[in-house]
C-alpha atoms as a PDB file:
ATOM      1  CA  MET A   1     -17.362 -18.092 -46.986  1.00  0.00           C
ATOM      2  CA  SER A   2     -19.576 -21.082 -46.201  1.00  0.00           C
ATOM      3  CA  PRO A   3     -18.069 -24.334 -44.927  1.00  0.00           C
ATOM      4  CA  PRO A   4     -17.621 -27.111 -47.506  1.00  0.00           C
ATOM      5  CA  VAL A   5     -20.552 -29.475 -47.941  1.00  0.00           C
ATOM      6  CA  THR A   6     -19.990 -33.016 -46.641  1.00  0.00           C
ATOM      7  CA  VAL A   7     -21.619 -35.616 -48.858  1.00  0.00           C
ATOM      8  CA  GLN A   8     -22.820 -38.708 -47.004  1.00  0.00           C
ATOM      9  CA  PHE A   9     -23.116 -41.995 -48.856  1.00  0.00           C
ATOM     10  CA  ARG A  10     -24.425 -45.424 -47.931  1.00  0.00           C
ATOM     11  CA  LEU A  11     -23.367 -48.288 -50.205  1.00  0.00           C
ATOM     12  CA  TYR A  12     -25.250 -51.577 -49.961  1.00  0.00           C
ATOM     13  CA  VAL A  13     -23.252 -54.610 -51.108  1.00  0.00           C
ATOM     14  CA  ALA A  14     -23.737 -58.370 -51.070  1.00  0.00           C
ATOM     15  CA  GLY A  15     -20.697 -59.721 -49.256  1.00  0.00           C
ATOM     16  CA  ASP A  16     -17.573 -59.665 -51.394  1.00  0.00           C
ATOM     17  CA  ALA A  17     -19.403 -60.052 -54.717  1.00  0.00           C
ATOM     18  CA  PRO A  18     -17.326 -58.621 -57.574  1.00  0.00           C
ATOM     19  CA  HIS A  19     -19.783 -55.873 -58.507  1.00  0.00           C
ATOM     20  CA  GLY A  20     -19.936 -54.633 -54.915  1.00  0.00           C
ATOM     21  CA  VAL A  21     -16.155 -54.614 -54.619  1.00  0.00           C
ATOM     22  CA  GLU A  22     -15.935 -52.676 -57.892  1.00  0.00           C
ATOM     23  CA  ALA A  23     -18.617 -50.209 -56.775  1.00  0.00           C
ATOM     24  CA  LEU A  24     -16.771 -49.507 -53.522  1.00  0.00           C
ATOM     25  CA  ALA A  25     -13.471 -49.011 -55.359  1.00  0.00           C
ATOM     26  CA  ASN A  26     -15.108 -46.661 -57.874  1.00  0.00           C
ATOM     27  CA  LEU A  27     -16.919 -44.693 -55.156  1.00  0.00           C
ATOM     28  CA  THR A  28     -13.747 -44.387 -53.088  1.00  0.00           C
ATOM     29  CA  ALA A  29     -11.795 -43.112 -56.114  1.00  0.00           C
ATOM     30  CA  LEU A  30     -14.567 -40.681 -57.052  1.00  0.00           C
ATOM     31  CA  CYS A  31     -14.696 -39.290 -53.522  1.00  0.00           C
ATOM     32  CA  ARG A  32     -10.928 -39.038 -53.218  1.00  0.00           C
ATOM     33  CA  GLU A  33     -10.655 -37.109 -56.479  1.00  0.00           C
ATOM     34  CA  CYS A  34     -13.892 -35.072 -56.564  1.00  0.00           C
ATOM     35  CA  LEU A  35     -14.848 -34.702 -52.887  1.00  0.00           C
ATOM     36  CA  PRO A  36     -11.578 -34.755 -50.920  1.00  0.00           C
ATOM     37  CA  ASP A  37     -12.193 -34.404 -47.178  1.00  0.00           C
ATOM     38  CA  ARG A  38     -15.866 -33.731 -47.927  1.00  0.00           C
ATOM     39  CA  HIS A  39     -17.418 -37.183 -47.893  1.00  0.00           C
ATOM     40  CA  ALA A  40     -18.407 -40.074 -45.635  1.00  0.00           C
ATOM     41  CA  ILE A  41     -19.048 -43.608 -46.853  1.00  0.00           C
ATOM     42  CA  GLU A  42     -20.976 -46.224 -44.884  1.00  0.00           C
ATOM     43  CA  VAL A  43     -20.920 -49.748 -46.325  1.00  0.00           C
ATOM     44  CA  VAL A  44     -23.801 -52.074 -45.463  1.00  0.00           C
ATOM     45  CA  ASP A  45     -23.386 -55.770 -46.261  1.00  0.00           C
ATOM     46  CA  VAL A  46     -26.887 -57.102 -46.890  1.00  0.00           C
ATOM     47  CA  PHE A  47     -25.749 -60.630 -45.980  1.00  0.00           C
ATOM     48  CA  LYS A  48     -24.674 -59.448 -42.523  1.00  0.00           C
ATOM     49  CA  GLU A  49     -27.609 -57.065 -42.024  1.00  0.00           C
ATOM     50  CA  PRO A  50     -30.542 -58.518 -44.024  1.00  0.00           C
ATOM     51  CA  LYS A  51     -33.244 -57.018 -41.795  1.00  0.00           C
ATOM     52  CA  ARG A  52     -31.752 -53.560 -42.191  1.00  0.00           C
ATOM     53  CA  ALA A  53     -31.555 -53.973 -45.948  1.00  0.00           C
ATOM     54  CA  LEU A  54     -35.199 -55.037 -46.120  1.00  0.00           C
ATOM     55  CA  ALA A  55     -36.257 -52.205 -43.815  1.00  0.00           C
ATOM     56  CA  ASP A  56     -34.371 -49.775 -46.076  1.00  0.00           C
ATOM     57  CA  GLY A  57     -36.077 -51.246 -49.163  1.00  0.00           C
ATOM     58  CA  VAL A  58     -32.908 -52.642 -50.710  1.00  0.00           C
ATOM     59  CA  PHE A  59     -33.579 -55.390 -53.233  1.00  0.00           C
ATOM     60  CA  LEU A  60     -30.631 -54.921 -55.613  1.00  0.00           C
ATOM     61  CA  THR A  61     -26.929 -54.539 -54.957  1.00  0.00           C
ATOM     62  CA  PRO A  62     -24.698 -52.729 -55.289  1.00  0.00           C
ATOM     63  CA  LEU A  63     -26.926 -49.782 -54.407  1.00  0.00           C
ATOM     64  CA  LEU A  64     -25.521 -46.363 -53.591  1.00  0.00           C
ATOM     65  CA  VAL A  65     -27.628 -43.899 -51.636  1.00  0.00           C
ATOM     66  CA  LYS A  66     -26.587 -40.264 -51.378  1.00  0.00           C
ATOM     67  CA  GLN A  67     -28.093 -39.369 -48.018  1.00  0.00           C
ATOM     68  CA  SER A  68     -27.049 -35.751 -47.800  1.00  0.00           C
ATOM     69  CA  PRO A  69     -27.090 -33.074 -48.897  1.00  0.00           C
ATOM     70  CA  SER A  70     -30.772 -33.339 -49.824  1.00  0.00           C
ATOM     71  CA  PRO A  71     -32.422 -34.686 -51.826  1.00  0.00           C
ATOM     72  CA  ALA A  72     -31.596 -38.311 -51.079  1.00  0.00           C
ATOM     73  CA  LEU A  73     -30.886 -40.113 -54.360  1.00  0.00           C
ATOM     74  CA  GLN A  74     -30.025 -43.673 -55.384  1.00  0.00           C
ATOM     75  CA  ILE A  75     -28.097 -45.376 -58.145  1.00  0.00           C
ATOM     76  CA  VAL A  76     -27.593 -49.096 -58.778  1.00  0.00           C
ATOM     77  CA  GLY A  77     -24.472 -50.583 -60.341  1.00  0.00           C
ATOM     78  CA  THR A  78     -20.707 -50.541 -60.247  1.00  0.00           C
ATOM     79  CA  LEU A  79     -20.467 -46.726 -60.485  1.00  0.00           C
ATOM     80  CA  SER A  80     -17.936 -47.062 -63.289  1.00  0.00           C
ATOM     81  CA  GLN A  81     -19.248 -44.122 -65.342  1.00  0.00           C
ATOM     82  CA  ARG A  82     -18.160 -41.210 -63.168  1.00  0.00           C
ATOM     83  CA  ALA A  83     -19.866 -38.428 -65.144  1.00  0.00           C
ATOM     84  CA  VAL A  84     -23.176 -40.307 -65.067  1.00  0.00           C
ATOM     85  CA  VAL A  85     -22.861 -41.008 -61.326  1.00  0.00           C
ATOM     86  CA  LEU A  86     -22.150 -37.343 -60.550  1.00  0.00           C
ATOM     87  CA  ARG A  87     -25.067 -36.199 -62.715  1.00  0.00           C
ATOM     88  CA  VAL A  88     -27.594 -38.738 -61.362  1.00  0.00           C
ATOM     89  CA  LEU A  89     -26.662 -37.939 -57.759  1.00  0.00           C
ATOM     90  CA  GLY A  90     -26.767 -34.196 -58.391  1.00  0.00           C
ATOM     91  CA  LEU A  91     -23.118 -33.740 -57.463  1.00  0.00           C
ATOM     92  CA  GLU A  92     -21.705 -32.057 -60.555  1.00  0.00           C
ATOM     93  CA  ALA A  93     -21.553 -28.634 -58.864  1.00  0.00           C
ATOM     94  CA  VAL A  94     -20.209 -30.016 -55.571  1.00  0.00           C
ATOM     95  CA  ALA A  95     -17.523 -32.028 -57.380  1.00  0.00           C
ATOM     96  CA  GLY A  96     -16.702 -29.064 -59.614  1.00  0.00           C
ATOM     97  CA  ALA A  97     -15.965 -26.932 -56.554  1.00  0.00           C
ATOM     98  CA  ALA A  98     -13.133 -29.329 -55.675  1.00  0.00           C
ATOM     99  CA  SER A  99     -11.378 -28.678 -58.996  1.00  0.00           C
END
């Protein structure tokens, strides 16, 4: 039996803007329910780290990047449509394994 896959996320937000706060809450809930103990979330505030955001090519927030497993994928928005988020990020099978 192979070990469970850990999904690594990076969420870019703009301070405490409402859409960023909502995106983080939605991502946290999604991970808790669909990827329990199989996820890591890094939050990058583009106001605190503008050079990093520019170097990473971030021009819109909130922006979620699924870093691993490959391929790396991105989605912009509040992440409120769970089924769409899972499909766009290619996580339907990984999330289904948690059920």
